[in-house]
N, C-alpha and C. Protein backbone atom coordinates (compact mmCIF):
# COMPACT_ATOMS: atom_id res chain seq x y z
N MET A 1 -29.65 -56.83 -25.47
CA MET A 1 -29.04 -55.56 -25.23
C MET A 1 -28.54 -54.93 -26.55
N LEU A 2 -27.90 -55.72 -27.39
CA LEU A 2 -27.34 -55.17 -28.62
C LEU A 2 -28.43 -54.59 -29.52
N LEU A 3 -29.53 -55.31 -29.66
CA LEU A 3 -30.61 -54.82 -30.51
C LEU A 3 -31.25 -53.56 -29.91
N ASP A 4 -31.40 -53.52 -28.59
CA ASP A 4 -31.97 -52.34 -27.95
C ASP A 4 -31.09 -51.11 -28.17
N GLU A 5 -29.78 -51.28 -28.02
CA GLU A 5 -28.88 -50.15 -28.26
C GLU A 5 -28.94 -49.70 -29.71
N PHE A 6 -28.95 -50.66 -30.63
CA PHE A 6 -29.02 -50.32 -32.05
C PHE A 6 -30.31 -49.56 -32.33
N ALA A 7 -31.42 -50.01 -31.74
CA ALA A 7 -32.72 -49.35 -31.95
C ALA A 7 -32.71 -47.92 -31.43
N ARG A 8 -32.09 -47.69 -30.30
CA ARG A 8 -32.04 -46.33 -29.76
C ARG A 8 -31.27 -45.39 -30.67
N TRP A 9 -30.20 -45.86 -31.25
CA TRP A 9 -29.37 -45.00 -32.09
C TRP A 9 -29.97 -44.79 -33.48
N HIS A 10 -30.51 -45.86 -34.06
CA HIS A 10 -30.87 -45.80 -35.47
C HIS A 10 -32.37 -45.75 -35.75
N TRP A 11 -33.20 -46.12 -34.79
CA TRP A 11 -34.64 -46.18 -35.07
C TRP A 11 -35.47 -45.29 -34.16
N ASP A 12 -34.88 -44.82 -33.06
CA ASP A 12 -35.59 -43.99 -32.09
C ASP A 12 -36.85 -44.68 -31.57
N TYR A 13 -36.78 -46.00 -31.45
CA TYR A 13 -37.94 -46.79 -31.00
C TYR A 13 -37.47 -47.92 -30.12
N ASP A 14 -38.42 -48.52 -29.44
CA ASP A 14 -38.21 -49.81 -28.79
C ASP A 14 -37.95 -50.82 -29.91
N ALA A 15 -36.96 -51.66 -29.72
CA ALA A 15 -36.57 -52.60 -30.78
C ALA A 15 -37.71 -53.52 -31.20
N THR A 16 -38.63 -53.82 -30.29
CA THR A 16 -39.72 -54.73 -30.63
C THR A 16 -40.83 -54.04 -31.43
N LEU A 17 -40.83 -52.69 -31.43
CA LEU A 17 -41.88 -51.96 -32.12
C LEU A 17 -41.44 -51.37 -33.46
N ALA A 18 -40.13 -51.30 -33.68
CA ALA A 18 -39.62 -50.66 -34.89
C ALA A 18 -39.99 -51.45 -36.14
N ASP A 19 -40.43 -50.72 -37.16
CA ASP A 19 -40.68 -51.33 -38.46
C ASP A 19 -39.87 -50.57 -39.49
N ASP A 20 -39.73 -51.13 -40.67
CA ASP A 20 -38.88 -50.54 -41.70
C ASP A 20 -39.31 -49.13 -42.08
N ASP A 21 -40.61 -48.89 -42.22
CA ASP A 21 -41.07 -47.57 -42.66
C ASP A 21 -40.73 -46.48 -41.65
N SER A 22 -41.04 -46.72 -40.37
CA SER A 22 -40.75 -45.70 -39.36
C SER A 22 -39.24 -45.53 -39.18
N ALA A 23 -38.48 -46.63 -39.26
CA ALA A 23 -37.03 -46.53 -39.14
C ALA A 23 -36.45 -45.76 -40.33
N ARG A 24 -36.97 -46.01 -41.52
CA ARG A 24 -36.49 -45.31 -42.72
C ARG A 24 -36.72 -43.79 -42.57
N ASP A 25 -37.91 -43.42 -42.10
CA ASP A 25 -38.22 -42.00 -41.90
C ASP A 25 -37.26 -41.38 -40.89
N PHE A 26 -37.03 -42.08 -39.78
CA PHE A 26 -36.13 -41.56 -38.74
C PHE A 26 -34.70 -41.41 -39.27
N LEU A 27 -34.24 -42.42 -39.99
CA LEU A 27 -32.87 -42.39 -40.53
C LEU A 27 -32.70 -41.26 -41.55
N LYS A 28 -33.69 -41.06 -42.42
CA LYS A 28 -33.61 -39.96 -43.41
C LYS A 28 -33.53 -38.61 -42.70
N GLU A 29 -34.37 -38.45 -41.70
CA GLU A 29 -34.46 -37.17 -41.00
C GLU A 29 -33.21 -36.89 -40.15
N ASN A 30 -32.68 -37.93 -39.51
CA ASN A 30 -31.61 -37.71 -38.55
C ASN A 30 -30.20 -38.07 -39.02
N TRP A 31 -30.08 -38.98 -39.97
CA TRP A 31 -28.77 -39.45 -40.38
C TRP A 31 -28.44 -39.12 -41.83
N GLY A 32 -29.44 -38.95 -42.65
CA GLY A 32 -29.19 -38.68 -44.07
C GLY A 32 -28.67 -39.91 -44.78
N GLY A 33 -27.91 -39.70 -45.81
CA GLY A 33 -27.36 -40.82 -46.56
C GLY A 33 -28.27 -41.21 -47.70
N ASP A 34 -27.72 -42.02 -48.61
CA ASP A 34 -28.53 -42.45 -49.74
C ASP A 34 -29.37 -43.67 -49.36
N ALA A 35 -30.21 -44.11 -50.29
CA ALA A 35 -31.14 -45.22 -50.01
C ALA A 35 -30.41 -46.50 -49.60
N ALA A 36 -29.27 -46.79 -50.22
CA ALA A 36 -28.52 -48.01 -49.89
C ALA A 36 -28.00 -47.97 -48.46
N ASP A 37 -27.52 -46.78 -48.02
CA ASP A 37 -27.04 -46.64 -46.64
C ASP A 37 -28.19 -46.84 -45.65
N ILE A 38 -29.32 -46.23 -45.97
CA ILE A 38 -30.48 -46.33 -45.08
C ILE A 38 -30.98 -47.77 -45.03
N ASP A 39 -31.06 -48.43 -46.18
CA ASP A 39 -31.55 -49.81 -46.22
C ASP A 39 -30.68 -50.75 -45.38
N ARG A 40 -29.41 -50.45 -45.25
CA ARG A 40 -28.50 -51.29 -44.47
C ARG A 40 -28.85 -51.28 -42.98
N TYR A 41 -29.53 -50.23 -42.51
CA TYR A 41 -29.83 -50.07 -41.10
C TYR A 41 -31.30 -50.32 -40.74
N LEU A 42 -32.07 -50.90 -41.64
CA LEU A 42 -33.49 -51.16 -41.37
C LEU A 42 -33.65 -52.37 -40.45
N PRO A 43 -34.71 -52.37 -39.63
CA PRO A 43 -34.94 -53.48 -38.72
C PRO A 43 -34.97 -54.85 -39.40
N SER A 44 -35.58 -54.95 -40.57
CA SER A 44 -35.67 -56.25 -41.25
C SER A 44 -34.30 -56.79 -41.64
N VAL A 45 -33.32 -55.91 -41.79
CA VAL A 45 -31.97 -56.32 -42.16
C VAL A 45 -31.14 -56.63 -40.92
N VAL A 46 -31.21 -55.76 -39.95
CA VAL A 46 -30.34 -55.84 -38.78
C VAL A 46 -30.80 -56.88 -37.75
N ARG A 47 -32.10 -56.95 -37.53
CA ARG A 47 -32.64 -57.79 -36.46
C ARG A 47 -32.20 -59.25 -36.58
N ALA A 48 -32.12 -59.77 -37.79
CA ALA A 48 -31.75 -61.18 -37.98
C ALA A 48 -30.33 -61.47 -37.49
N GLU A 49 -29.45 -60.48 -37.52
CA GLU A 49 -28.08 -60.71 -37.05
C GLU A 49 -27.90 -60.39 -35.58
N LEU A 50 -28.58 -59.35 -35.08
CA LEU A 50 -28.40 -58.97 -33.68
C LEU A 50 -29.28 -59.77 -32.73
N ALA A 51 -30.45 -60.18 -33.17
CA ALA A 51 -31.36 -60.91 -32.28
C ALA A 51 -32.35 -61.74 -33.09
N PRO A 52 -31.91 -62.88 -33.61
CA PRO A 52 -32.84 -63.75 -34.35
C PRO A 52 -33.98 -64.23 -33.45
N ASP A 53 -35.13 -64.51 -34.05
CA ASP A 53 -36.29 -64.92 -33.26
C ASP A 53 -36.02 -66.10 -32.34
N ASP A 54 -35.18 -67.05 -32.76
CA ASP A 54 -34.97 -68.22 -31.90
C ASP A 54 -34.09 -67.92 -30.69
N THR A 55 -33.61 -66.67 -30.55
CA THR A 55 -32.84 -66.29 -29.37
C THR A 55 -33.60 -65.34 -28.46
N LEU A 56 -34.81 -64.95 -28.87
CA LEU A 56 -35.59 -63.97 -28.13
C LEU A 56 -36.76 -64.60 -27.39
N PRO A 57 -37.22 -63.95 -26.30
CA PRO A 57 -38.45 -64.42 -25.66
C PRO A 57 -39.62 -64.29 -26.62
N GLN A 58 -40.65 -65.05 -26.42
CA GLN A 58 -41.81 -65.10 -27.32
C GLN A 58 -42.38 -63.72 -27.61
N TYR A 59 -42.49 -62.85 -26.60
CA TYR A 59 -43.13 -61.55 -26.81
C TYR A 59 -42.33 -60.66 -27.78
N ALA A 60 -41.04 -60.94 -27.97
CA ALA A 60 -40.20 -60.10 -28.81
C ALA A 60 -40.05 -60.63 -30.23
N HIS A 61 -40.72 -61.74 -30.55
CA HIS A 61 -40.58 -62.30 -31.89
C HIS A 61 -41.18 -61.38 -32.94
N VAL A 62 -40.51 -61.31 -34.06
CA VAL A 62 -41.00 -60.50 -35.18
C VAL A 62 -42.15 -61.22 -35.85
N GLN A 63 -42.04 -62.53 -35.95
CA GLN A 63 -43.07 -63.32 -36.62
C GLN A 63 -44.16 -63.70 -35.60
N PRO A 64 -45.36 -63.13 -35.72
CA PRO A 64 -46.43 -63.44 -34.78
C PRO A 64 -46.75 -64.94 -34.80
N GLY A 65 -47.01 -65.48 -33.63
CA GLY A 65 -47.39 -66.88 -33.54
C GLY A 65 -46.22 -67.84 -33.52
N SER A 66 -45.00 -67.33 -33.67
CA SER A 66 -43.84 -68.22 -33.64
C SER A 66 -43.68 -68.78 -32.24
N SER A 67 -43.47 -70.07 -32.14
CA SER A 67 -43.33 -70.68 -30.82
C SER A 67 -42.12 -71.60 -30.77
N SER A 68 -41.09 -71.24 -31.51
CA SER A 68 -39.91 -72.11 -31.55
C SER A 68 -39.05 -71.99 -30.31
N LEU A 69 -39.24 -70.95 -29.50
CA LEU A 69 -38.42 -70.74 -28.32
C LEU A 69 -39.17 -71.22 -27.08
N GLN A 70 -38.54 -72.10 -26.33
CA GLN A 70 -39.14 -72.59 -25.10
C GLN A 70 -38.10 -72.51 -23.99
N GLN A 71 -38.55 -72.11 -22.81
CA GLN A 71 -37.65 -72.04 -21.68
C GLN A 71 -37.59 -73.41 -21.01
N LEU A 72 -36.39 -73.85 -20.73
CA LEU A 72 -36.23 -75.14 -20.06
C LEU A 72 -36.23 -74.92 -18.56
N GLY A 73 -37.00 -75.74 -17.85
CA GLY A 73 -37.02 -75.68 -16.41
C GLY A 73 -35.83 -76.43 -15.82
N SER A 74 -35.71 -76.36 -14.51
CA SER A 74 -34.58 -77.01 -13.83
C SER A 74 -34.56 -78.51 -14.07
N ARG A 75 -35.72 -79.15 -14.03
CA ARG A 75 -35.77 -80.61 -14.25
C ARG A 75 -35.30 -80.98 -15.64
N SER A 76 -35.76 -80.21 -16.64
CA SER A 76 -35.34 -80.48 -18.02
C SER A 76 -33.84 -80.26 -18.19
N LEU A 77 -33.33 -79.21 -17.57
CA LEU A 77 -31.89 -78.94 -17.65
C LEU A 77 -31.09 -80.06 -16.98
N ARG A 78 -31.55 -80.52 -15.82
CA ARG A 78 -30.84 -81.61 -15.11
C ARG A 78 -30.91 -82.90 -15.93
N ALA A 79 -32.05 -83.14 -16.60
CA ALA A 79 -32.16 -84.35 -17.44
C ALA A 79 -31.19 -84.26 -18.62
N LEU A 80 -31.10 -83.09 -19.23
CA LEU A 80 -30.14 -82.91 -20.33
C LEU A 80 -28.69 -83.01 -19.83
N ALA A 81 -28.48 -82.64 -18.57
CA ALA A 81 -27.13 -82.70 -18.00
C ALA A 81 -26.64 -84.14 -17.86
N ARG A 82 -27.57 -85.08 -17.90
CA ARG A 82 -27.16 -86.50 -17.83
C ARG A 82 -26.80 -87.03 -19.21
N SER A 83 -26.71 -86.14 -20.17
CA SER A 83 -26.35 -86.51 -21.54
C SER A 83 -24.91 -87.01 -21.58
N SER A 84 -24.62 -87.79 -22.61
CA SER A 84 -23.25 -88.30 -22.77
C SER A 84 -22.33 -87.25 -23.38
N ASP A 85 -22.90 -86.22 -24.00
CA ASP A 85 -22.09 -85.16 -24.58
C ASP A 85 -21.57 -84.28 -23.44
N LYS A 86 -20.25 -84.20 -23.29
CA LYS A 86 -19.65 -83.50 -22.15
C LYS A 86 -20.02 -82.02 -22.11
N TRP A 87 -19.90 -81.33 -23.26
CA TRP A 87 -20.19 -79.90 -23.27
C TRP A 87 -21.66 -79.63 -22.94
N LEU A 88 -22.57 -80.39 -23.56
CA LEU A 88 -24.00 -80.22 -23.29
C LEU A 88 -24.29 -80.50 -21.83
N SER A 89 -23.71 -81.56 -21.30
CA SER A 89 -23.91 -81.92 -19.91
C SER A 89 -23.46 -80.81 -18.96
N GLU A 90 -22.26 -80.31 -19.18
CA GLU A 90 -21.73 -79.26 -18.31
C GLU A 90 -22.51 -77.96 -18.45
N THR A 91 -22.91 -77.62 -19.66
CA THR A 91 -23.65 -76.38 -19.90
C THR A 91 -25.03 -76.43 -19.25
N CYS A 92 -25.72 -77.54 -19.42
CA CYS A 92 -27.06 -77.67 -18.81
C CYS A 92 -26.97 -77.66 -17.29
N ALA A 93 -25.96 -78.33 -16.74
CA ALA A 93 -25.78 -78.32 -15.28
C ALA A 93 -25.48 -76.89 -14.80
N ALA A 94 -24.65 -76.17 -15.55
CA ALA A 94 -24.32 -74.79 -15.18
C ALA A 94 -25.54 -73.89 -15.25
N LEU A 95 -26.38 -74.07 -16.28
CA LEU A 95 -27.61 -73.28 -16.39
C LEU A 95 -28.57 -73.60 -15.25
N ALA A 96 -28.69 -74.87 -14.90
CA ALA A 96 -29.56 -75.26 -13.78
C ALA A 96 -29.03 -74.66 -12.47
N ASP A 97 -27.72 -74.67 -12.30
CA ASP A 97 -27.13 -74.07 -11.09
C ASP A 97 -27.38 -72.56 -11.06
N LEU A 98 -27.28 -71.91 -12.21
CA LEU A 98 -27.54 -70.47 -12.27
C LEU A 98 -29.00 -70.18 -11.91
N ARG A 99 -29.93 -70.97 -12.44
CA ARG A 99 -31.35 -70.79 -12.10
C ARG A 99 -31.57 -70.93 -10.59
N LEU A 100 -30.94 -71.93 -9.99
CA LEU A 100 -31.07 -72.16 -8.56
C LEU A 100 -30.49 -71.00 -7.77
N THR A 101 -29.34 -70.53 -8.18
CA THR A 101 -28.69 -69.40 -7.50
C THR A 101 -29.55 -68.14 -7.58
N LEU A 102 -30.13 -67.89 -8.75
CA LEU A 102 -31.01 -66.73 -8.90
C LEU A 102 -32.27 -66.87 -8.03
N ALA A 103 -32.81 -68.09 -7.98
CA ALA A 103 -34.01 -68.32 -7.16
C ALA A 103 -33.70 -68.10 -5.68
N LYS A 104 -32.53 -68.57 -5.24
CA LYS A 104 -32.14 -68.38 -3.84
C LYS A 104 -31.96 -66.91 -3.50
N ALA A 105 -31.43 -66.14 -4.44
CA ALA A 105 -31.20 -64.71 -4.20
C ALA A 105 -32.51 -63.95 -4.11
N GLY A 106 -33.53 -64.43 -4.81
CA GLY A 106 -34.84 -63.78 -4.78
C GLY A 106 -34.75 -62.33 -5.21
N GLU A 107 -35.33 -61.46 -4.41
CA GLU A 107 -35.35 -60.03 -4.74
C GLU A 107 -34.18 -59.27 -4.14
N SER A 108 -33.26 -59.97 -3.48
CA SER A 108 -32.12 -59.26 -2.87
C SER A 108 -31.27 -58.61 -3.94
N SER A 109 -30.69 -57.48 -3.57
CA SER A 109 -29.84 -56.76 -4.53
C SER A 109 -28.74 -56.04 -3.79
N ALA A 110 -27.50 -56.38 -4.13
CA ALA A 110 -26.36 -55.71 -3.52
C ALA A 110 -26.13 -54.33 -4.12
N ILE A 111 -26.73 -54.09 -5.27
CA ILE A 111 -26.48 -52.82 -5.95
C ILE A 111 -27.74 -51.96 -6.06
N ALA A 112 -28.73 -52.25 -5.22
CA ALA A 112 -30.00 -51.50 -5.29
C ALA A 112 -29.79 -50.01 -5.09
N SER A 113 -28.91 -49.63 -4.18
CA SER A 113 -28.67 -48.21 -3.94
C SER A 113 -27.36 -47.76 -4.58
N ALA A 114 -26.84 -48.57 -5.47
CA ALA A 114 -25.57 -48.25 -6.12
C ALA A 114 -25.75 -47.25 -7.24
N GLN A 115 -24.65 -46.74 -7.68
CA GLN A 115 -24.65 -45.78 -8.77
C GLN A 115 -24.15 -46.46 -10.04
N TRP A 116 -24.98 -46.59 -11.05
CA TRP A 116 -24.64 -47.07 -12.39
C TRP A 116 -23.99 -48.45 -12.39
N ALA A 117 -24.78 -49.47 -12.59
CA ALA A 117 -24.30 -50.86 -12.54
C ALA A 117 -24.05 -51.44 -13.92
N GLU A 118 -23.69 -50.64 -14.89
CA GLU A 118 -23.49 -51.11 -16.26
C GLU A 118 -22.49 -52.25 -16.41
N PRO A 119 -21.41 -52.28 -15.64
CA PRO A 119 -20.44 -53.38 -15.85
C PRO A 119 -21.06 -54.76 -15.78
N ALA A 120 -22.12 -54.92 -15.02
CA ALA A 120 -22.74 -56.25 -14.91
C ALA A 120 -23.28 -56.72 -16.24
N TYR A 121 -23.98 -55.86 -17.00
CA TYR A 121 -24.50 -56.34 -18.27
C TYR A 121 -23.47 -56.23 -19.39
N SER A 122 -22.53 -55.31 -19.28
CA SER A 122 -21.49 -55.23 -20.30
C SER A 122 -20.64 -56.50 -20.31
N ALA A 123 -20.33 -57.01 -19.14
CA ALA A 123 -19.50 -58.21 -19.06
C ALA A 123 -20.25 -59.45 -19.52
N ALA A 124 -21.56 -59.40 -19.47
CA ALA A 124 -22.35 -60.59 -19.81
C ALA A 124 -22.99 -60.51 -21.19
N THR A 125 -22.50 -59.64 -22.04
CA THR A 125 -23.05 -59.51 -23.39
C THR A 125 -22.67 -60.71 -24.23
N ILE A 126 -23.67 -61.32 -24.85
CA ILE A 126 -23.44 -62.47 -25.72
C ILE A 126 -23.95 -62.10 -27.11
N ALA A 127 -23.08 -62.16 -28.09
CA ALA A 127 -23.48 -61.89 -29.47
C ALA A 127 -23.81 -63.22 -30.13
N TYR A 128 -24.93 -63.26 -30.83
CA TYR A 128 -25.38 -64.48 -31.51
C TYR A 128 -24.41 -64.87 -32.62
N CYS A 129 -23.91 -63.89 -33.34
CA CYS A 129 -22.95 -64.18 -34.40
C CYS A 129 -22.03 -62.98 -34.57
N ASP A 130 -20.87 -63.23 -35.14
CA ASP A 130 -19.92 -62.16 -35.41
C ASP A 130 -20.36 -61.46 -36.68
N SER A 131 -20.63 -60.17 -36.58
CA SER A 131 -21.06 -59.41 -37.75
C SER A 131 -20.65 -57.96 -37.61
N ASP A 132 -20.75 -57.23 -38.70
CA ASP A 132 -20.42 -55.81 -38.67
C ASP A 132 -21.35 -55.05 -37.72
N TYR A 133 -22.63 -55.46 -37.65
CA TYR A 133 -23.57 -54.78 -36.77
C TYR A 133 -23.18 -54.95 -35.31
N VAL A 134 -22.81 -56.17 -34.94
CA VAL A 134 -22.40 -56.44 -33.55
C VAL A 134 -21.17 -55.60 -33.22
N SER A 135 -20.18 -55.63 -34.10
CA SER A 135 -18.95 -54.85 -33.86
C SER A 135 -19.26 -53.37 -33.73
N GLU A 136 -20.14 -52.86 -34.59
CA GLU A 136 -20.48 -51.44 -34.55
C GLU A 136 -21.14 -51.06 -33.23
N VAL A 137 -22.11 -51.87 -32.79
CA VAL A 137 -22.80 -51.56 -31.54
C VAL A 137 -21.82 -51.60 -30.37
N LEU A 138 -21.01 -52.64 -30.29
CA LEU A 138 -20.07 -52.75 -29.18
C LEU A 138 -19.03 -51.63 -29.22
N ASP A 139 -18.49 -51.34 -30.39
CA ASP A 139 -17.51 -50.26 -30.50
C ASP A 139 -18.12 -48.92 -30.08
N ASN A 140 -19.30 -48.61 -30.59
CA ASN A 140 -19.96 -47.35 -30.25
C ASN A 140 -20.29 -47.27 -28.77
N HIS A 141 -20.77 -48.39 -28.22
CA HIS A 141 -21.16 -48.41 -26.81
C HIS A 141 -19.95 -48.14 -25.91
N PHE A 142 -18.88 -48.89 -26.12
CA PHE A 142 -17.74 -48.74 -25.24
C PHE A 142 -16.97 -47.45 -25.50
N GLU A 143 -17.00 -46.95 -26.73
CA GLU A 143 -16.37 -45.66 -27.00
C GLU A 143 -17.13 -44.57 -26.27
N CYS A 144 -18.44 -44.66 -26.29
CA CYS A 144 -19.27 -43.68 -25.59
C CYS A 144 -19.01 -43.74 -24.08
N VAL A 145 -18.94 -44.94 -23.53
CA VAL A 145 -18.70 -45.11 -22.10
C VAL A 145 -17.33 -44.58 -21.71
N ASN A 146 -16.32 -44.90 -22.51
CA ASN A 146 -14.95 -44.56 -22.15
C ASN A 146 -14.56 -43.11 -22.48
N ASN A 147 -15.21 -42.51 -23.46
CA ASN A 147 -14.84 -41.16 -23.87
C ASN A 147 -15.87 -40.10 -23.50
N GLY A 148 -17.01 -40.54 -23.00
CA GLY A 148 -18.06 -39.58 -22.66
C GLY A 148 -17.69 -38.76 -21.44
N GLY A 149 -18.26 -37.59 -21.32
CA GLY A 149 -17.99 -36.72 -20.19
C GLY A 149 -18.51 -37.26 -18.88
N ASP A 150 -19.50 -38.18 -18.94
CA ASP A 150 -20.09 -38.71 -17.72
C ASP A 150 -19.41 -39.98 -17.24
N ALA A 151 -18.45 -40.49 -18.00
CA ALA A 151 -17.79 -41.73 -17.61
C ALA A 151 -16.93 -41.49 -16.38
N THR A 152 -16.77 -42.55 -15.61
CA THR A 152 -15.99 -42.45 -14.38
C THR A 152 -15.20 -43.73 -14.19
N MET A 153 -14.13 -43.64 -13.44
CA MET A 153 -13.34 -44.83 -13.15
C MET A 153 -14.14 -45.79 -12.26
N PHE A 154 -15.01 -45.24 -11.43
CA PHE A 154 -15.80 -46.04 -10.50
C PHE A 154 -17.19 -46.24 -11.10
N GLN A 155 -17.36 -47.33 -11.84
CA GLN A 155 -18.60 -47.51 -12.57
C GLN A 155 -19.74 -48.04 -11.71
N CYS A 156 -19.45 -48.54 -10.53
CA CYS A 156 -20.52 -49.02 -9.66
C CYS A 156 -20.09 -48.82 -8.22
N PHE A 157 -20.52 -47.76 -7.62
CA PHE A 157 -20.17 -47.46 -6.24
C PHE A 157 -21.31 -47.89 -5.33
N ILE A 158 -21.01 -48.74 -4.36
CA ILE A 158 -22.01 -49.23 -3.42
C ILE A 158 -21.69 -48.65 -2.04
N PRO A 159 -22.57 -47.82 -1.48
CA PRO A 159 -22.32 -47.29 -0.14
C PRO A 159 -22.28 -48.42 0.89
N ILE A 160 -21.37 -48.34 1.84
CA ILE A 160 -21.21 -49.37 2.87
C ILE A 160 -22.15 -49.08 4.03
N ALA A 161 -22.88 -50.11 4.46
CA ALA A 161 -23.79 -49.97 5.59
C ALA A 161 -22.99 -49.73 6.87
N THR A 162 -23.61 -49.07 7.84
CA THR A 162 -22.88 -48.74 9.07
C THR A 162 -23.52 -49.33 10.33
N GLU A 163 -24.75 -49.78 10.25
CA GLU A 163 -25.40 -50.36 11.42
C GLU A 163 -25.32 -51.88 11.35
N ARG A 164 -25.23 -52.52 12.51
CA ARG A 164 -25.00 -53.97 12.59
C ARG A 164 -25.99 -54.77 11.74
N LYS A 165 -27.27 -54.53 11.88
CA LYS A 165 -28.27 -55.28 11.12
C LYS A 165 -28.14 -55.01 9.62
N ALA A 166 -27.92 -53.76 9.29
CA ALA A 166 -27.78 -53.38 7.87
C ALA A 166 -26.51 -53.98 7.28
N ILE A 167 -25.44 -54.07 8.08
CA ILE A 167 -24.20 -54.67 7.60
C ILE A 167 -24.41 -56.15 7.28
N ARG A 168 -25.07 -56.87 8.18
CA ARG A 168 -25.36 -58.29 7.94
C ARG A 168 -26.20 -58.47 6.68
N HIS A 169 -27.21 -57.63 6.54
CA HIS A 169 -28.08 -57.70 5.36
C HIS A 169 -27.28 -57.41 4.08
N GLN A 170 -26.44 -56.38 4.13
CA GLN A 170 -25.65 -56.02 2.96
C GLN A 170 -24.67 -57.14 2.59
N PHE A 171 -24.02 -57.74 3.59
CA PHE A 171 -23.09 -58.82 3.30
C PHE A 171 -23.81 -60.05 2.75
N GLY A 172 -25.02 -60.29 3.21
CA GLY A 172 -25.83 -61.38 2.63
C GLY A 172 -26.13 -61.11 1.16
N ASN A 173 -26.49 -59.86 0.85
CA ASN A 173 -26.75 -59.48 -0.54
C ASN A 173 -25.49 -59.57 -1.40
N LEU A 174 -24.36 -59.15 -0.83
CA LEU A 174 -23.09 -59.24 -1.57
C LEU A 174 -22.72 -60.70 -1.84
N THR A 175 -22.97 -61.56 -0.84
CA THR A 175 -22.70 -62.98 -1.02
C THR A 175 -23.55 -63.55 -2.16
N SER A 176 -24.83 -63.20 -2.18
CA SER A 176 -25.72 -63.66 -3.26
C SER A 176 -25.24 -63.15 -4.61
N MET A 177 -24.84 -61.87 -4.65
CA MET A 177 -24.36 -61.29 -5.90
C MET A 177 -23.12 -62.03 -6.41
N LEU A 178 -22.18 -62.31 -5.51
CA LEU A 178 -20.96 -63.01 -5.93
C LEU A 178 -21.26 -64.44 -6.38
N GLN A 179 -22.21 -65.09 -5.74
CA GLN A 179 -22.61 -66.43 -6.18
C GLN A 179 -23.23 -66.39 -7.57
N ILE A 180 -24.06 -65.39 -7.82
CA ILE A 180 -24.67 -65.23 -9.14
C ILE A 180 -23.59 -64.97 -10.19
N ILE A 181 -22.65 -64.08 -9.87
CA ILE A 181 -21.56 -63.78 -10.81
C ILE A 181 -20.76 -65.04 -11.10
N GLY A 182 -20.48 -65.85 -10.07
CA GLY A 182 -19.74 -67.09 -10.27
C GLY A 182 -20.49 -68.08 -11.15
N ALA A 183 -21.80 -68.22 -10.91
CA ALA A 183 -22.61 -69.13 -11.72
C ALA A 183 -22.73 -68.63 -13.15
N LEU A 184 -22.91 -67.32 -13.32
CA LEU A 184 -23.00 -66.74 -14.66
C LEU A 184 -21.66 -66.89 -15.40
N ASP A 185 -20.57 -66.67 -14.70
CA ASP A 185 -19.26 -66.82 -15.30
C ASP A 185 -19.05 -68.24 -15.81
N ARG A 186 -19.51 -69.21 -15.05
CA ARG A 186 -19.37 -70.61 -15.48
C ARG A 186 -20.16 -70.86 -16.77
N VAL A 187 -21.39 -70.35 -16.83
CA VAL A 187 -22.21 -70.51 -18.03
C VAL A 187 -21.54 -69.81 -19.22
N LEU A 188 -21.11 -68.57 -19.04
CA LEU A 188 -20.50 -67.82 -20.14
C LEU A 188 -19.21 -68.48 -20.61
N THR A 189 -18.44 -69.03 -19.69
CA THR A 189 -17.21 -69.73 -20.07
C THR A 189 -17.53 -70.94 -20.92
N LEU A 190 -18.55 -71.69 -20.54
CA LEU A 190 -18.90 -72.90 -21.28
C LEU A 190 -19.45 -72.58 -22.67
N ILE A 191 -20.33 -71.58 -22.77
CA ILE A 191 -20.92 -71.32 -24.08
C ILE A 191 -20.00 -70.56 -25.01
N SER A 192 -18.94 -69.97 -24.48
CA SER A 192 -18.02 -69.25 -25.35
C SER A 192 -16.79 -70.08 -25.72
N SER A 193 -16.73 -71.31 -25.21
CA SER A 193 -15.54 -72.12 -25.54
C SER A 193 -15.79 -73.03 -26.73
């Protein structure tokens, strides 16, 4: 998320497609500044701090052919959870539980007809490292949300179903959503401690 937001503001491109030359042209045209200022915001400089290759899915890697990132399945996570290291054990178990919870929820969505569900991803933002770029993106993002004319106190309004069958379905979706939030919260608590 952080790299995507940075790309929208500074490169006018999808973060995976931006290159230094096109970003430099965009920055000169839209932001001005001297060469040193522009160089500070180029993809080759920023990407390593906001989204290093070892934290991205394979398709988003800057270095073609890089295969250092592998997704662990539930069995691998459960095997790692039997580790003697307490933090690793708890984190892998929490990740496996989150995968299971997501699989159980399937395509259900409690917020499918909701208005603006940004709080879900804002609360789950994980920065790879503390840096000026991370602070800038987060500060700009939340300042925009909180001071923009379109901001509202009710960031995610979900209409309540009124028919018996629809109510049962909606409560099932809400239950799945709360289980996912609980499992995600456990993972985020473990990796941030």
